Amino acid sequence: MKGFVHPGREDLRIDSVLEALANPIRLRIVKRLAGGEELTCSTTLPDVSPSTASHHWRVLREGGVLWARREGRIILHTLRREDLDARFPGLLDSVLAALDDSGSLTPALP
């Protein structure tokens, strides 16, 4: 089985990162990963079908937002906070600050 595709830090592009973050399910994943732990697909998205979850994990991985590694039959995911902070200072903190406890964007104030 081939390995996962992860762009290098220097290859991270703001448009790819923003596209990866432009979905409520993926924002929910990022919020969970921001706690610093490694998470599996099933524990993070138990209410999402495996094929849909796989798509979201792939978009986040290929967009440079997370790392994935296989450990036996399990795939573990971690947030690429250090790489994102180095390339786009403040972006991840701004996105996380805009999320409520459920991982949804909070409404903008008038």
N, C-alpha and C. Protein backbone atom coordinates (compact mmCIF):
# COMPACT_ATOMS: atom_id res chain seq x y z
N MET A 1 0.85 -1.17 0.00
CA MET A 1 0.00 0.00 0.00
C MET A 1 0.90 1.24 0.00
N LYS A 2 0.57 2.19 -0.84
CA LYS A 2 1.40 3.39 -0.90
C LYS A 2 1.14 4.29 0.29
N GLY A 3 2.14 5.16 0.58
CA GLY A 3 2.05 6.05 1.73
C GLY A 3 1.13 7.23 1.46
N PHE A 4 0.97 8.02 2.48
CA PHE A 4 0.12 9.21 2.39
C PHE A 4 0.86 10.35 1.71
N VAL A 5 0.12 11.21 1.02
CA VAL A 5 0.68 12.41 0.40
C VAL A 5 0.59 13.55 1.39
N HIS A 6 1.75 14.12 1.72
CA HIS A 6 1.82 15.29 2.61
C HIS A 6 2.71 16.31 1.94
N PRO A 7 2.22 17.50 1.66
CA PRO A 7 3.12 18.52 1.11
C PRO A 7 4.15 18.93 2.16
N GLY A 8 5.34 19.27 1.70
CA GLY A 8 6.36 19.76 2.61
C GLY A 8 5.97 21.14 3.12
N ARG A 9 6.60 21.56 4.22
CA ARG A 9 6.29 22.86 4.79
C ARG A 9 6.42 23.97 3.75
N GLU A 10 7.48 23.94 2.99
CA GLU A 10 7.73 24.98 1.99
C GLU A 10 6.73 24.94 0.83
N ASP A 11 6.03 23.82 0.69
CA ASP A 11 5.04 23.66 -0.39
C ASP A 11 3.62 24.01 0.05
N LEU A 12 3.43 24.34 1.32
CA LEU A 12 2.08 24.71 1.78
C LEU A 12 1.65 25.99 1.08
N ARG A 13 0.43 25.97 0.56
CA ARG A 13 -0.12 27.14 -0.16
C ARG A 13 -1.36 27.61 0.59
N ILE A 14 -1.47 28.91 0.71
CA ILE A 14 -2.59 29.49 1.44
C ILE A 14 -3.94 29.09 0.83
N ASP A 15 -4.01 29.02 -0.50
CA ASP A 15 -5.29 28.66 -1.13
C ASP A 15 -5.68 27.22 -0.80
N SER A 16 -4.71 26.31 -0.74
CA SER A 16 -5.01 24.92 -0.40
C SER A 16 -5.42 24.78 1.06
N VAL A 17 -4.75 25.51 1.94
CA VAL A 17 -5.09 25.47 3.36
C VAL A 17 -6.49 26.04 3.58
N LEU A 18 -6.78 27.18 2.97
CA LEU A 18 -8.11 27.79 3.14
C LEU A 18 -9.20 26.92 2.55
N GLU A 19 -8.94 26.28 1.41
CA GLU A 19 -9.92 25.38 0.83
C GLU A 19 -10.18 24.20 1.77
N ALA A 20 -9.12 23.68 2.37
CA ALA A 20 -9.28 22.56 3.30
C ALA A 20 -10.09 22.98 4.53
N LEU A 21 -9.97 24.22 4.93
CA LEU A 21 -10.69 24.71 6.11
C LEU A 21 -12.09 25.23 5.81
N ALA A 22 -12.48 25.21 4.55
CA ALA A 22 -13.75 25.82 4.12
C ALA A 22 -14.92 24.86 4.17
N ASN A 23 -14.95 24.00 5.17
CA ASN A 23 -16.04 23.05 5.29
C ASN A 23 -16.33 22.81 6.77
N PRO A 24 -17.58 22.81 7.18
CA PRO A 24 -17.90 22.65 8.60
C PRO A 24 -17.39 21.35 9.21
N ILE A 25 -17.44 20.26 8.46
CA ILE A 25 -16.94 18.99 8.99
C ILE A 25 -15.44 19.06 9.20
N ARG A 26 -14.74 19.63 8.24
CA ARG A 26 -13.28 19.73 8.37
C ARG A 26 -12.89 20.70 9.49
N LEU A 27 -13.68 21.76 9.68
CA LEU A 27 -13.42 22.66 10.81
C LEU A 27 -13.60 21.93 12.14
N ARG A 28 -14.60 21.07 12.20
CA ARG A 28 -14.82 20.27 13.40
C ARG A 28 -13.62 19.37 13.69
N ILE A 29 -13.06 18.79 12.64
CA ILE A 29 -11.87 17.94 12.78
C ILE A 29 -10.71 18.77 13.31
N VAL A 30 -10.47 19.93 12.71
CA VAL A 30 -9.35 20.79 13.11
C VAL A 30 -9.51 21.20 14.57
N LYS A 31 -10.71 21.54 14.98
CA LYS A 31 -10.94 21.92 16.38
C LYS A 31 -10.57 20.78 17.31
N ARG A 32 -10.96 19.58 16.96
CA ARG A 32 -10.62 18.41 17.79
C ARG A 32 -9.12 18.17 17.82
N LEU A 33 -8.47 18.28 16.67
CA LEU A 33 -7.03 18.05 16.60
C LEU A 33 -6.23 19.14 17.30
N ALA A 34 -6.79 20.32 17.43
CA ALA A 34 -6.09 21.44 18.05
C ALA A 34 -5.78 21.17 19.52
N GLY A 35 -6.42 20.19 20.11
CA GLY A 35 -6.12 19.80 21.48
C GLY A 35 -4.77 19.11 21.62
N GLY A 36 -4.15 18.77 20.50
CA GLY A 36 -2.82 18.20 20.52
C GLY A 36 -2.75 16.69 20.50
N GLU A 37 -3.88 16.03 20.50
CA GLU A 37 -3.84 14.57 20.49
C GLU A 37 -3.92 14.00 19.08
N GLU A 38 -3.54 12.74 18.95
CA GLU A 38 -3.73 12.03 17.68
C GLU A 38 -5.12 11.43 17.71
N LEU A 39 -5.82 11.54 16.60
CA LEU A 39 -7.18 11.03 16.53
C LEU A 39 -7.34 10.08 15.36
N THR A 40 -8.26 9.15 15.49
CA THR A 40 -8.61 8.25 14.40
C THR A 40 -9.86 8.75 13.72
N CYS A 41 -10.11 8.24 12.53
CA CYS A 41 -11.30 8.65 11.77
C CYS A 41 -12.58 8.36 12.54
N SER A 42 -12.70 7.16 13.04
CA SER A 42 -13.97 6.75 13.66
C SER A 42 -14.25 7.48 14.96
N THR A 43 -13.22 7.81 15.74
CA THR A 43 -13.48 8.51 17.00
C THR A 43 -13.78 9.98 16.78
N THR A 44 -13.32 10.53 15.66
CA THR A 44 -13.51 11.95 15.40
C THR A 44 -14.81 12.22 14.67
N LEU A 45 -15.17 11.34 13.76
CA LEU A 45 -16.38 11.53 12.94
C LEU A 45 -17.29 10.29 13.00
N PRO A 46 -17.77 9.93 14.18
CA PRO A 46 -18.59 8.71 14.25
C PRO A 46 -19.92 8.82 13.52
N ASP A 47 -20.39 10.04 13.28
CA ASP A 47 -21.68 10.26 12.65
C ASP A 47 -21.59 10.47 11.13
N VAL A 48 -20.39 10.31 10.56
CA VAL A 48 -20.16 10.53 9.13
C VAL A 48 -19.80 9.21 8.48
N SER A 49 -20.33 8.94 7.28
CA SER A 49 -20.04 7.68 6.60
C SER A 49 -18.54 7.57 6.34
N PRO A 50 -18.01 6.35 6.32
CA PRO A 50 -16.57 6.16 6.09
C PRO A 50 -16.06 6.79 4.80
N SER A 51 -16.82 6.73 3.72
CA SER A 51 -16.35 7.31 2.46
C SER A 51 -16.31 8.83 2.53
N THR A 52 -17.30 9.43 3.17
CA THR A 52 -17.31 10.89 3.33
C THR A 52 -16.19 11.33 4.26
N ALA A 53 -16.01 10.62 5.36
CA ALA A 53 -14.94 10.94 6.30
C ALA A 53 -13.58 10.83 5.61
N SER A 54 -13.39 9.79 4.83
CA SER A 54 -12.13 9.60 4.11
C SER A 54 -11.83 10.78 3.19
N HIS A 55 -12.86 11.26 2.52
CA HIS A 55 -12.70 12.43 1.65
C HIS A 55 -12.22 13.64 2.45
N HIS A 56 -12.84 13.91 3.58
CA HIS A 56 -12.47 15.07 4.39
C HIS A 56 -11.04 14.94 4.94
N TRP A 57 -10.68 13.75 5.40
CA TRP A 57 -9.31 13.54 5.88
C TRP A 57 -8.31 13.77 4.76
N ARG A 58 -8.62 13.30 3.55
CA ARG A 58 -7.70 13.46 2.42
C ARG A 58 -7.53 14.93 2.06
N VAL A 59 -8.63 15.69 2.03
CA VAL A 59 -8.54 17.12 1.71
C VAL A 59 -7.67 17.84 2.74
N LEU A 60 -7.86 17.53 4.01
CA LEU A 60 -7.05 18.17 5.06
C LEU A 60 -5.58 17.77 4.95
N ARG A 61 -5.33 16.51 4.68
CA ARG A 61 -3.95 16.01 4.55
C ARG A 61 -3.25 16.62 3.35
N GLU A 62 -3.89 16.55 2.19
CA GLU A 62 -3.28 17.06 0.97
C GLU A 62 -3.20 18.59 0.95
N GLY A 63 -4.07 19.24 1.72
CA GLY A 63 -4.02 20.70 1.85
C GLY A 63 -2.94 21.16 2.82
N GLY A 64 -2.33 20.22 3.53
CA GLY A 64 -1.26 20.55 4.45
C GLY A 64 -1.70 20.89 5.85
N VAL A 65 -2.94 20.57 6.21
CA VAL A 65 -3.46 20.93 7.52
C VAL A 65 -3.15 19.86 8.57
N LEU A 66 -3.02 18.62 8.16
CA LEU A 66 -2.74 17.56 9.12
C LEU A 66 -1.77 16.52 8.59
N TRP A 67 -1.21 15.76 9.52
CA TRP A 67 -0.37 14.61 9.22
C TRP A 67 -1.21 13.36 9.45
N ALA A 68 -0.98 12.35 8.64
CA ALA A 68 -1.61 11.05 8.85
C ALA A 68 -0.51 10.00 8.87
N ARG A 69 -0.66 9.04 9.78
CA ARG A 69 0.29 7.93 9.82
C ARG A 69 -0.48 6.67 10.15
N ARG A 70 -0.02 5.60 9.54
CA ARG A 70 -0.67 4.31 9.75
C ARG A 70 0.04 3.57 10.87
N GLU A 71 -0.77 3.01 11.75
CA GLU A 71 -0.26 2.16 12.81
C GLU A 71 -1.11 0.89 12.78
N GLY A 72 -0.59 -0.11 12.09
CA GLY A 72 -1.37 -1.33 11.87
C GLY A 72 -2.55 -1.01 10.95
N ARG A 73 -3.74 -1.32 11.41
CA ARG A 73 -4.95 -1.04 10.62
C ARG A 73 -5.55 0.33 10.91
N ILE A 74 -4.95 1.05 11.85
CA ILE A 74 -5.49 2.34 12.27
C ILE A 74 -4.69 3.47 11.63
N ILE A 75 -5.40 4.53 11.24
CA ILE A 75 -4.75 5.73 10.74
C ILE A 75 -4.92 6.82 11.80
N LEU A 76 -3.80 7.37 12.22
CA LEU A 76 -3.79 8.42 13.24
C LEU A 76 -3.50 9.75 12.59
N HIS A 77 -4.21 10.79 13.03
CA HIS A 77 -4.10 12.12 12.45
C HIS A 77 -3.66 13.11 13.53
N THR A 78 -2.79 14.04 13.14
CA THR A 78 -2.38 15.14 14.01
C THR A 78 -2.37 16.43 13.21
N LEU A 79 -2.59 17.52 13.89
CA LEU A 79 -2.60 18.84 13.27
C LEU A 79 -1.17 19.29 12.99
N ARG A 80 -0.94 19.90 11.85
CA ARG A 80 0.38 20.41 11.49
C ARG A 80 0.55 21.85 11.98
N ARG A 81 0.31 22.05 13.26
CA ARG A 81 0.32 23.39 13.84
C ARG A 81 1.65 24.10 13.60
N GLU A 82 2.77 23.43 13.87
CA GLU A 82 4.07 24.08 13.72
C GLU A 82 4.30 24.54 12.28
N ASP A 83 3.98 23.68 11.32
CA ASP A 83 4.17 24.04 9.91
C ASP A 83 3.23 25.18 9.50
N LEU A 84 1.97 25.10 9.92
CA LEU A 84 1.02 26.15 9.56
C LEU A 84 1.40 27.48 10.20
N ASP A 85 1.83 27.44 11.46
CA ASP A 85 2.24 28.68 12.13
C ASP A 85 3.48 29.28 11.49
N ALA A 86 4.39 28.44 11.02
CA ALA A 86 5.61 28.94 10.38
C ALA A 86 5.30 29.60 9.03
N ARG A 87 4.42 28.98 8.26
CA ARG A 87 4.10 29.50 6.93
C ARG A 87 3.09 30.63 6.96
N PHE A 88 2.09 30.53 7.83
CA PHE A 88 0.99 31.50 7.85
C PHE A 88 0.72 31.91 9.30
N PRO A 89 1.60 32.72 9.89
CA PRO A 89 1.49 33.09 11.31
C PRO A 89 0.11 33.66 11.64
N GLY A 90 -0.49 33.11 12.68
CA GLY A 90 -1.77 33.61 13.16
C GLY A 90 -2.99 33.02 12.48
N LEU A 91 -2.83 32.38 11.34
CA LEU A 91 -3.99 31.86 10.61
C LEU A 91 -4.76 30.83 11.43
N LEU A 92 -4.06 29.83 11.89
CA LEU A 92 -4.73 28.76 12.62
C LEU A 92 -5.37 29.28 13.91
N ASP A 93 -4.67 30.14 14.63
CA ASP A 93 -5.25 30.70 15.84
C ASP A 93 -6.50 31.51 15.54
N SER A 94 -6.50 32.25 14.43
CA SER A 94 -7.67 33.04 14.04
C SER A 94 -8.85 32.14 13.70
N VAL A 95 -8.59 31.07 12.97
CA VAL A 95 -9.65 30.13 12.60
C VAL A 95 -10.21 29.48 13.86
N LEU A 96 -9.33 29.00 14.73
CA LEU A 96 -9.79 28.34 15.95
C LEU A 96 -10.56 29.29 16.85
N ALA A 97 -10.15 30.55 16.92
CA ALA A 97 -10.84 31.54 17.74
C ALA A 97 -12.25 31.83 17.21
N ALA A 98 -12.46 31.62 15.93
CA ALA A 98 -13.77 31.89 15.32
C ALA A 98 -14.74 30.72 15.47
N LEU A 99 -14.27 29.60 16.01
CA LEU A 99 -15.12 28.43 16.16
C LEU A 99 -15.76 28.39 17.53
N ASP A 100 -17.00 27.93 17.59
CA ASP A 100 -17.64 27.74 18.89
C ASP A 100 -17.27 26.36 19.43
N ASP A 101 -17.85 25.96 20.53
CA ASP A 101 -17.49 24.70 21.18
C ASP A 101 -17.78 23.48 20.30
N SER A 102 -18.75 23.57 19.42
CA SER A 102 -19.09 22.44 18.56
C SER A 102 -18.21 22.36 17.33
N GLY A 103 -17.38 23.39 17.08
CA GLY A 103 -16.53 23.39 15.90
C GLY A 103 -17.15 24.15 14.74
N SER A 104 -18.26 24.83 14.99
CA SER A 104 -18.91 25.65 13.96
C SER A 104 -18.44 27.08 14.09
N LEU A 105 -18.48 27.79 12.97
CA LEU A 105 -18.11 29.22 13.00
C LEU A 105 -19.15 29.98 13.80
N THR A 106 -18.66 30.86 14.65
CA THR A 106 -19.58 31.71 15.41
C THR A 106 -20.09 32.80 14.49
N PRO A 107 -21.33 33.24 14.67
CA PRO A 107 -21.86 34.31 13.82
C PRO A 107 -21.05 35.60 13.98
N ALA A 108 -20.90 36.31 12.90
CA ALA A 108 -20.19 37.61 12.95
C ALA A 108 -21.06 38.61 13.69
N LEU A 109 -20.40 39.45 14.44
CA LEU A 109 -21.12 40.51 15.14
C LEU A 109 -21.44 41.65 14.16
N PRO A 110 -22.58 42.31 14.35
CA PRO A 110 -22.95 43.40 13.44
C PRO A 110 -22.02 44.59 13.61
